[in-house]
Amino acid sequence: MTNFDKDFRDGTVIGSLLQKYANVNVLKRMKMICSSEEDYKENAHTLCESLAEIGLQNHITPKDIYHPLQR
């Protein structure tokens, strides 16, 4: 990883962690290479849906993932 915000933007890093942690096959439903803003949005929505499926409480919205703000 070279840029924290941009490297997490496609959601695949978080998806990999979720898959290992909860044995949820989320990566199958995600695009590994995002070529448009819609790809990023779809991945973010898929990731948030997967978090809800396993009952993990969070305050992350899809926009937090596909449009990160450096803080």
PDB file of N, CA and C in Angstrom:
ATOM      1  N   MET A   1       0.834  -1.166   0.000  1.00  0.00           N
ATOM      2  CA  MET A   1       0.000   0.000   0.000  1.00  0.00           C
ATOM      3  C   MET A   1       0.886   1.239   0.000  1.00  0.00           C
ATOM      4  N   THR A   2       0.533   2.160  -0.854  1.00  0.00           N
ATOM      5  CA  THR A   2       1.320   3.381  -0.940  1.00  0.00           C
ATOM      6  C   THR A   2       0.508   4.614  -0.547  1.00  0.00           C
ATOM      7  N   ASN A   3      -0.785   4.579  -0.761  1.00  0.00           N
ATOM      8  CA  ASN A   3      -1.657   5.686  -0.417  1.00  0.00           C
ATOM      9  C   ASN A   3      -2.886   5.109   0.272  1.00  0.00           C
ATOM     10  N   PHE A   4      -2.996   5.314   1.563  1.00  0.00           N
ATOM     11  CA  PHE A   4      -4.037   4.669   2.368  1.00  0.00           C
ATOM     12  C   PHE A   4      -5.432   4.884   1.789  1.00  0.00           C
ATOM     13  N   ASP A   5      -5.801   6.122   1.485  1.00  0.00           N
ATOM     14  CA  ASP A   5      -7.144   6.411   0.983  1.00  0.00           C
ATOM     15  C   ASP A   5      -7.417   5.741  -0.363  1.00  0.00           C
ATOM     16  N   LYS A   6      -6.501   5.901  -1.285  1.00  0.00           N
ATOM     17  CA  LYS A   6      -6.717   5.355  -2.626  1.00  0.00           C
ATOM     18  C   LYS A   6      -6.644   3.837  -2.652  1.00  0.00           C
ATOM     19  N   ASP A   7      -5.787   3.250  -1.835  1.00  0.00           N
ATOM     20  CA  ASP A   7      -5.657   1.796  -1.827  1.00  0.00           C
ATOM     21  C   ASP A   7      -6.867   1.106  -1.204  1.00  0.00           C
ATOM     22  N   PHE A   8      -7.574   1.786  -0.335  1.00  0.00           N
ATOM     23  CA  PHE A   8      -8.772   1.208   0.274  1.00  0.00           C
ATOM     24  C   PHE A   8     -10.034   1.531  -0.520  1.00  0.00           C
ATOM     25  N   ARG A   9      -9.946   2.428  -1.482  1.00  0.00           N
ATOM     26  CA  ARG A   9     -11.116   2.928  -2.196  1.00  0.00           C
ATOM     27  C   ARG A   9     -11.925   1.844  -2.909  1.00  0.00           C
ATOM     28  N   ASP A  10     -11.271   0.824  -3.470  1.00  0.00           N
ATOM     29  CA  ASP A  10     -12.015  -0.198  -4.203  1.00  0.00           C
ATOM     30  C   ASP A  10     -12.646  -1.242  -3.284  1.00  0.00           C
ATOM     31  N   GLY A  11     -12.305  -1.219  -2.000  1.00  0.00           N
ATOM     32  CA  GLY A  11     -12.927  -2.104  -1.027  1.00  0.00           C
ATOM     33  C   GLY A  11     -12.363  -3.506  -0.956  1.00  0.00           C
ATOM     34  N   THR A  12     -11.445  -3.856  -1.841  1.00  0.00           N
ATOM     35  CA  THR A  12     -10.959  -5.240  -1.872  1.00  0.00           C
ATOM     36  C   THR A  12     -10.092  -5.593  -0.664  1.00  0.00           C
ATOM     37  N   VAL A  13      -9.385  -4.613  -0.106  1.00  0.00           N
ATOM     38  CA  VAL A  13      -8.576  -4.887   1.086  1.00  0.00           C
ATOM     39  C   VAL A  13      -9.495  -5.223   2.259  1.00  0.00           C
ATOM     40  N   ILE A  14     -10.519  -4.413   2.451  1.00  0.00           N
ATOM     41  CA  ILE A  14     -11.481  -4.674   3.527  1.00  0.00           C
ATOM     42  C   ILE A  14     -12.239  -5.961   3.246  1.00  0.00           C
ATOM     43  N   GLY A  15     -12.587  -6.201   1.981  1.00  0.00           N
ATOM     44  CA  GLY A  15     -13.268  -7.441   1.598  1.00  0.00           C
ATOM     45  C   GLY A  15     -12.429  -8.668   1.911  1.00  0.00           C
ATOM     46  N   SER A  16     -11.141  -8.589   1.674  1.00  0.00           N
ATOM     47  CA  SER A  16     -10.245  -9.712   1.988  1.00  0.00           C
ATOM     48  C   SER A  16     -10.204  -9.981   3.485  1.00  0.00           C
ATOM     49  N   LEU A  17     -10.121  -8.922   4.265  1.00  0.00           N
ATOM     50  CA  LEU A  17     -10.121  -9.078   5.718  1.00  0.00           C
ATOM     51  C   LEU A  17     -11.438  -9.683   6.206  1.00  0.00           C
ATOM     52  N   LEU A  18     -12.537  -9.201   5.661  1.00  0.00           N
ATOM     53  CA  LEU A  18     -13.853  -9.718   6.040  1.00  0.00           C
ATOM     54  C   LEU A  18     -13.991 -11.183   5.664  1.00  0.00           C
ATOM     55  N   GLN A  19     -13.493 -11.527   4.500  1.00  0.00           N
ATOM     56  CA  GLN A  19     -13.572 -12.914   4.037  1.00  0.00           C
ATOM     57  C   GLN A  19     -12.787 -13.842   4.966  1.00  0.00           C
ATOM     58  N   LYS A  20     -11.603 -13.416   5.378  1.00  0.00           N
ATOM     59  CA  LYS A  20     -10.788 -14.230   6.291  1.00  0.00           C
ATOM     60  C   LYS A  20     -11.389 -14.276   7.693  1.00  0.00           C
ATOM     61  N   TYR A  21     -11.895 -13.133   8.156  1.00  0.00           N
ATOM     62  CA  TYR A  21     -12.407 -13.022   9.517  1.00  0.00           C
ATOM     63  C   TYR A  21     -13.716 -13.786   9.704  1.00  0.00           C
ATOM     64  N   ALA A  22     -14.654 -13.612   8.765  1.00  0.00           N
ATOM     65  CA  ALA A  22     -16.001 -14.150   8.948  1.00  0.00           C
ATOM     66  C   ALA A  22     -16.352 -15.256   7.958  1.00  0.00           C
ATOM     67  N   ASN A  23     -15.385 -15.655   7.148  1.00  0.00           N
ATOM     68  CA  ASN A  23     -15.615 -16.695   6.149  1.00  0.00           C
ATOM     69  C   ASN A  23     -16.793 -16.352   5.231  1.00  0.00           C
ATOM     70  N   VAL A  24     -16.860 -15.087   4.838  1.00  0.00           N
ATOM     71  CA  VAL A  24     -17.881 -14.599   3.916  1.00  0.00           C
ATOM     72  C   VAL A  24     -17.222 -14.454   2.556  1.00  0.00           C
ATOM     73  N   ASN A  25     -17.819 -15.027   1.540  1.00  0.00           N
ATOM     74  CA  ASN A  25     -17.212 -14.990   0.215  1.00  0.00           C
ATOM     75  C   ASN A  25     -17.616 -13.712  -0.519  1.00  0.00           C
ATOM     76  N   VAL A  26     -17.183 -12.592  -0.002  1.00  0.00           N
ATOM     77  CA  VAL A  26     -17.551 -11.291  -0.545  1.00  0.00           C
ATOM     78  C   VAL A  26     -16.760 -10.939  -1.799  1.00  0.00           C
ATOM     79  N   LEU A  27     -15.543 -11.418  -1.915  1.00  0.00           N
ATOM     80  CA  LEU A  27     -14.706 -11.042  -3.055  1.00  0.00           C
ATOM     81  C   LEU A  27     -15.246 -11.545  -4.390  1.00  0.00           C
ATOM     82  N   LYS A  28     -16.008 -12.630  -4.363  1.00  0.00           N
ATOM     83  CA  LYS A  28     -16.606 -13.130  -5.602  1.00  0.00           C
ATOM     84  C   LYS A  28     -17.576 -12.122  -6.208  1.00  0.00           C
ATOM     85  N   ARG A  29     -18.172 -11.312  -5.355  1.00  0.00           N
ATOM     86  CA  ARG A  29     -19.181 -10.350  -5.812  1.00  0.00           C
ATOM     87  C   ARG A  29     -18.593  -8.977  -6.101  1.00  0.00           C
ATOM     88  N   MET A  30     -17.283  -8.830  -5.945  1.00  0.00           N
ATOM     89  CA  MET A  30     -16.644  -7.529  -6.138  1.00  0.00           C
ATOM     90  C   MET A  30     -15.763  -7.526  -7.381  1.00  0.00           C
ATOM     91  N   LYS A  31     -15.620  -6.361  -7.965  1.00  0.00           N
ATOM     92  CA  LYS A  31     -14.711  -6.202  -9.101  1.00  0.00           C
ATOM     93  C   LYS A  31     -13.308  -5.980  -8.560  1.00  0.00           C
ATOM     94  N   MET A  32     -12.363  -6.766  -9.026  1.00  0.00           N
ATOM     95  CA  MET A  32     -10.990  -6.646  -8.545  1.00  0.00           C
ATOM     96  C   MET A  32     -10.269  -5.448  -9.163  1.00  0.00           C
ATOM     97  N   ILE A  33     -10.657  -5.072 -10.367  1.00  0.00           N
ATOM     98  CA  ILE A  33     -10.079  -3.904 -11.027  1.00  0.00           C
ATOM     99  C   ILE A  33     -11.216  -2.955 -11.352  1.00  0.00           C
ATOM    100  N   CYS A  34     -11.210  -1.821 -10.706  1.00  0.00           N
ATOM    101  CA  CYS A  34     -12.260  -0.825 -10.920  1.00  0.00           C
ATOM    102  C   CYS A  34     -11.821   0.151 -12.004  1.00  0.00           C
ATOM    103  N   SER A  35     -12.670   0.301 -13.007  1.00  0.00           N
ATOM    104  CA  SER A  35     -12.320   1.191 -14.114  1.00  0.00           C
ATOM    105  C   SER A  35     -13.248   2.399 -14.204  1.00  0.00           C
ATOM    106  N   SER A  36     -14.266   2.453 -13.351  1.00  0.00           N
ATOM    107  CA  SER A  36     -15.175   3.597 -13.368  1.00  0.00           C
ATOM    108  C   SER A  36     -15.671   3.877 -11.950  1.00  0.00           C
ATOM    109  N   GLU A  37     -16.257   5.021 -11.776  1.00  0.00           N
ATOM    110  CA  GLU A  37     -16.819   5.400 -10.477  1.00  0.00           C
ATOM    111  C   GLU A  37     -17.913   4.412 -10.055  1.00  0.00           C
ATOM    112  N   GLU A  38     -18.659   3.910 -11.020  1.00  0.00           N
ATOM    113  CA  GLU A  38     -19.713   2.925 -10.721  1.00  0.00           C
ATOM    114  C   GLU A  38     -19.136   1.633 -10.151  1.00  0.00           C
ATOM    115  N   ASP A  39     -17.991   1.216 -10.637  1.00  0.00           N
ATOM    116  CA  ASP A  39     -17.335   0.014 -10.103  1.00  0.00           C
ATOM    117  C   ASP A  39     -16.995   0.200  -8.628  1.00  0.00           C
ATOM    118  N   TYR A  40     -16.451   1.372  -8.293  1.00  0.00           N
ATOM    119  CA  TYR A  40     -16.115   1.663  -6.900  1.00  0.00           C
ATOM    120  C   TYR A  40     -17.380   1.670  -6.032  1.00  0.00           C
ATOM    121  N   LYS A  41     -18.439   2.283  -6.543  1.00  0.00           N
ATOM    122  CA  LYS A  41     -19.700   2.352  -5.795  1.00  0.00           C
ATOM    123  C   LYS A  41     -20.299   0.966  -5.577  1.00  0.00           C
ATOM    124  N   GLU A  42     -20.298   0.140  -6.623  1.00  0.00           N
ATOM    125  CA  GLU A  42     -20.838  -1.219  -6.499  1.00  0.00           C
ATOM    126  C   GLU A  42     -20.064  -2.023  -5.466  1.00  0.00           C
ATOM    127  N   ASN A  43     -18.746  -1.940  -5.486  1.00  0.00           N
ATOM    128  CA  ASN A  43     -17.918  -2.647  -4.507  1.00  0.00           C
ATOM    129  C   ASN A  43     -18.223  -2.171  -3.092  1.00  0.00           C
ATOM    130  N   ALA A  44     -18.370  -0.869  -2.922  1.00  0.00           N
ATOM    131  CA  ALA A  44     -18.652  -0.313  -1.600  1.00  0.00           C
ATOM    132  C   ALA A  44     -20.004  -0.791  -1.080  1.00  0.00           C
ATOM    133  N   HIS A  45     -21.008  -0.813  -1.942  1.00  0.00           N
ATOM    134  CA  HIS A  45     -22.327  -1.296  -1.541  1.00  0.00           C
ATOM    135  C   HIS A  45     -22.279  -2.784  -1.197  1.00  0.00           C
ATOM    136  N   THR A  46     -21.573  -3.552  -1.987  1.00  0.00           N
ATOM    137  CA  THR A  46     -21.427  -4.984  -1.712  1.00  0.00           C
ATOM    138  C   THR A  46     -20.744  -5.209  -0.375  1.00  0.00           C
ATOM    139  N   LEU A  47     -19.721  -4.448  -0.113  1.00  0.00           N
ATOM    140  CA  LEU A  47     -18.996  -4.578   1.142  1.00  0.00           C
ATOM    141  C   LEU A  47     -19.884  -4.241   2.338  1.00  0.00           C
ATOM    142  N   CYS A  48     -20.632  -3.148   2.251  1.00  0.00           N
ATOM    143  CA  CYS A  48     -21.518  -2.759   3.353  1.00  0.00           C
ATOM    144  C   CYS A  48     -22.638  -3.779   3.557  1.00  0.00           C
ATOM    145  N   GLU A  49     -23.155  -4.337   2.480  1.00  0.00           N
ATOM    146  CA  GLU A  49     -24.171  -5.387   2.592  1.00  0.00           C
ATOM    147  C   GLU A  49     -23.600  -6.616   3.296  1.00  0.00           C
ATOM    148  N   SER A  50     -22.373  -6.956   2.979  1.00  0.00           N
ATOM    149  CA  SER A  50     -21.730  -8.113   3.610  1.00  0.00           C
ATOM    150  C   SER A  50     -21.512  -7.891   5.096  1.00  0.00           C
ATOM    151  N   LEU A  51     -21.141  -6.687   5.470  1.00  0.00           N
ATOM    152  CA  LEU A  51     -20.981  -6.366   6.889  1.00  0.00           C
ATOM    153  C   LEU A  51     -22.308  -6.519   7.626  1.00  0.00           C
ATOM    154  N   ALA A  52     -23.398  -6.077   6.986  1.00  0.00           N
ATOM    155  CA  ALA A  52     -24.719  -6.210   7.600  1.00  0.00           C
ATOM    156  C   ALA A  52     -25.142  -7.679   7.683  1.00  0.00           C
ATOM    157  N   GLU A  53     -24.806  -8.471   6.667  1.00  0.00           N
ATOM    158  CA  GLU A  53     -25.165  -9.893   6.649  1.00  0.00           C
ATOM    159  C   GLU A  53     -24.602 -10.652   7.845  1.00  0.00           C
ATOM    160  N   ILE A  54     -23.394 -10.301   8.247  1.00  0.00           N
ATOM    161  CA  ILE A  54     -22.792 -11.019   9.365  1.00  0.00           C
ATOM    162  C   ILE A  54     -23.127 -10.357  10.706  1.00  0.00           C
ATOM    163  N   GLY A  55     -23.892  -9.270  10.662  1.00  0.00           N
ATOM    164  CA  GLY A  55     -24.325  -8.609  11.882  1.00  0.00           C
ATOM    165  C   GLY A  55     -23.274  -7.747  12.537  1.00  0.00           C
ATOM    166  N   LEU A  56     -22.286  -7.320  11.775  1.00  0.00           N
ATOM    167  CA  LEU A  56     -21.229  -6.472  12.321  1.00  0.00           C
ATOM    168  C   LEU A  56     -21.718  -5.023  12.340  1.00  0.00           C
ATOM    169  N   GLN A  57     -21.878  -4.482  13.527  1.00  0.00           N
ATOM    170  CA  GLN A  57     -22.321  -3.100  13.651  1.00  0.00           C
ATOM    171  C   GLN A  57     -21.200  -2.173  13.219  1.00  0.00           C
ATOM    172  N   ASN A  58     -21.553  -1.211  12.398  1.00  0.00           N
ATOM    173  CA  ASN A  58     -20.560  -0.242  11.942  1.00  0.00           C
ATOM    174  C   ASN A  58     -21.246   1.045  11.547  1.00  0.00           C
ATOM    175  N   HIS A  59     -20.474   2.068  11.397  1.00  0.00           N
ATOM    176  CA  HIS A  59     -20.995   3.372  10.985  1.00  0.00           C
ATOM    177  C   HIS A  59     -20.429   3.763   9.624  1.00  0.00           C
ATOM    178  N   ILE A  60     -19.956   2.790   8.891  1.00  0.00           N
ATOM    179  CA  ILE A  60     -19.365   3.030   7.580  1.00  0.00           C
ATOM    180  C   ILE A  60     -20.469   3.032   6.527  1.00  0.00           C
ATOM    181  N   THR A  61     -20.466   4.039   5.694  1.00  0.00           N
ATOM    182  CA  THR A  61     -21.391   4.090   4.572  1.00  0.00           C
ATOM    183  C   THR A  61     -20.605   3.767   3.297  1.00  0.00           C
ATOM    184  N   PRO A  62     -21.302   3.364   2.253  1.00  0.00           N
ATOM    185  CA  PRO A  62     -20.587   3.118   0.998  1.00  0.00           C
ATOM    186  C   PRO A  62     -19.771   4.328   0.537  1.00  0.00           C
ATOM    187  N   LYS A  63     -20.298   5.523   0.743  1.00  0.00           N
ATOM    188  CA  LYS A  63     -19.579   6.727   0.315  1.00  0.00           C
ATOM    189  C   LYS A  63     -18.271   6.890   1.085  1.00  0.00           C
ATOM    190  N   ASP A  64     -18.231   6.458   2.349  1.00  0.00           N
ATOM    191  CA  ASP A  64     -16.983   6.514   3.120  1.00  0.00           C
ATOM    192  C   ASP A  64     -15.895   5.678   2.463  1.00  0.00           C
ATOM    193  N   ILE A  65     -16.297   4.637   1.769  1.00  0.00           N
ATOM    194  CA  ILE A  65     -15.336   3.735   1.139  1.00  0.00           C
ATOM    195  C   ILE A  65     -14.927   4.249  -0.245  1.00  0.00           C
ATOM    196  N   TYR A  66     -15.906   4.550  -1.102  1.00  0.00           N
ATOM    197  CA  TYR A  66     -15.545   4.905  -2.473  1.00  0.00           C
ATOM    198  C   TYR A  66     -15.140   6.376  -2.637  1.00  0.00           C
ATOM    199  N   HIS A  67     -15.418   7.208  -1.636  1.00  0.00           N
ATOM    200  CA  HIS A  67     -15.005   8.601  -1.695  1.00  0.00           C
ATOM    201  C   HIS A  67     -14.396   8.994  -0.353  1.00  0.00           C
ATOM    202  N   PRO A  68     -13.214   8.435  -0.039  1.00  0.00           N
ATOM    203  CA  PRO A  68     -12.617   8.661   1.281  1.00  0.00           C
ATOM    204  C   PRO A  68     -12.119  10.089   1.456  1.00  0.00           C
ATOM    205  N   LEU A  69     -12.162  10.547   2.689  1.00  0.00           N
ATOM    206  CA  LEU A  69     -11.626  11.858   3.042  1.00  0.00           C
ATOM    207  C   LEU A  69     -10.437  11.656   3.956  1.00  0.00           C
ATOM    208  N   GLN A  70      -9.329  12.261   3.612  1.00  0.00           N
ATOM    209  CA  GLN A  70      -8.148  12.171   4.470  1.00  0.00           C
ATOM    210  C   GLN A  70      -8.413  12.986   5.721  1.00  0.00           C
ATOM    211  N   ARG A  71      -8.237  12.339   6.861  1.00  0.00           N
ATOM    212  CA  ARG A  71      -8.425  13.037   8.132  1.00  0.00           C
ATOM    213  C   ARG A  71      -7.262  12.749   9.010  1.00  0.00           C
TER     214      ARG A  71
END
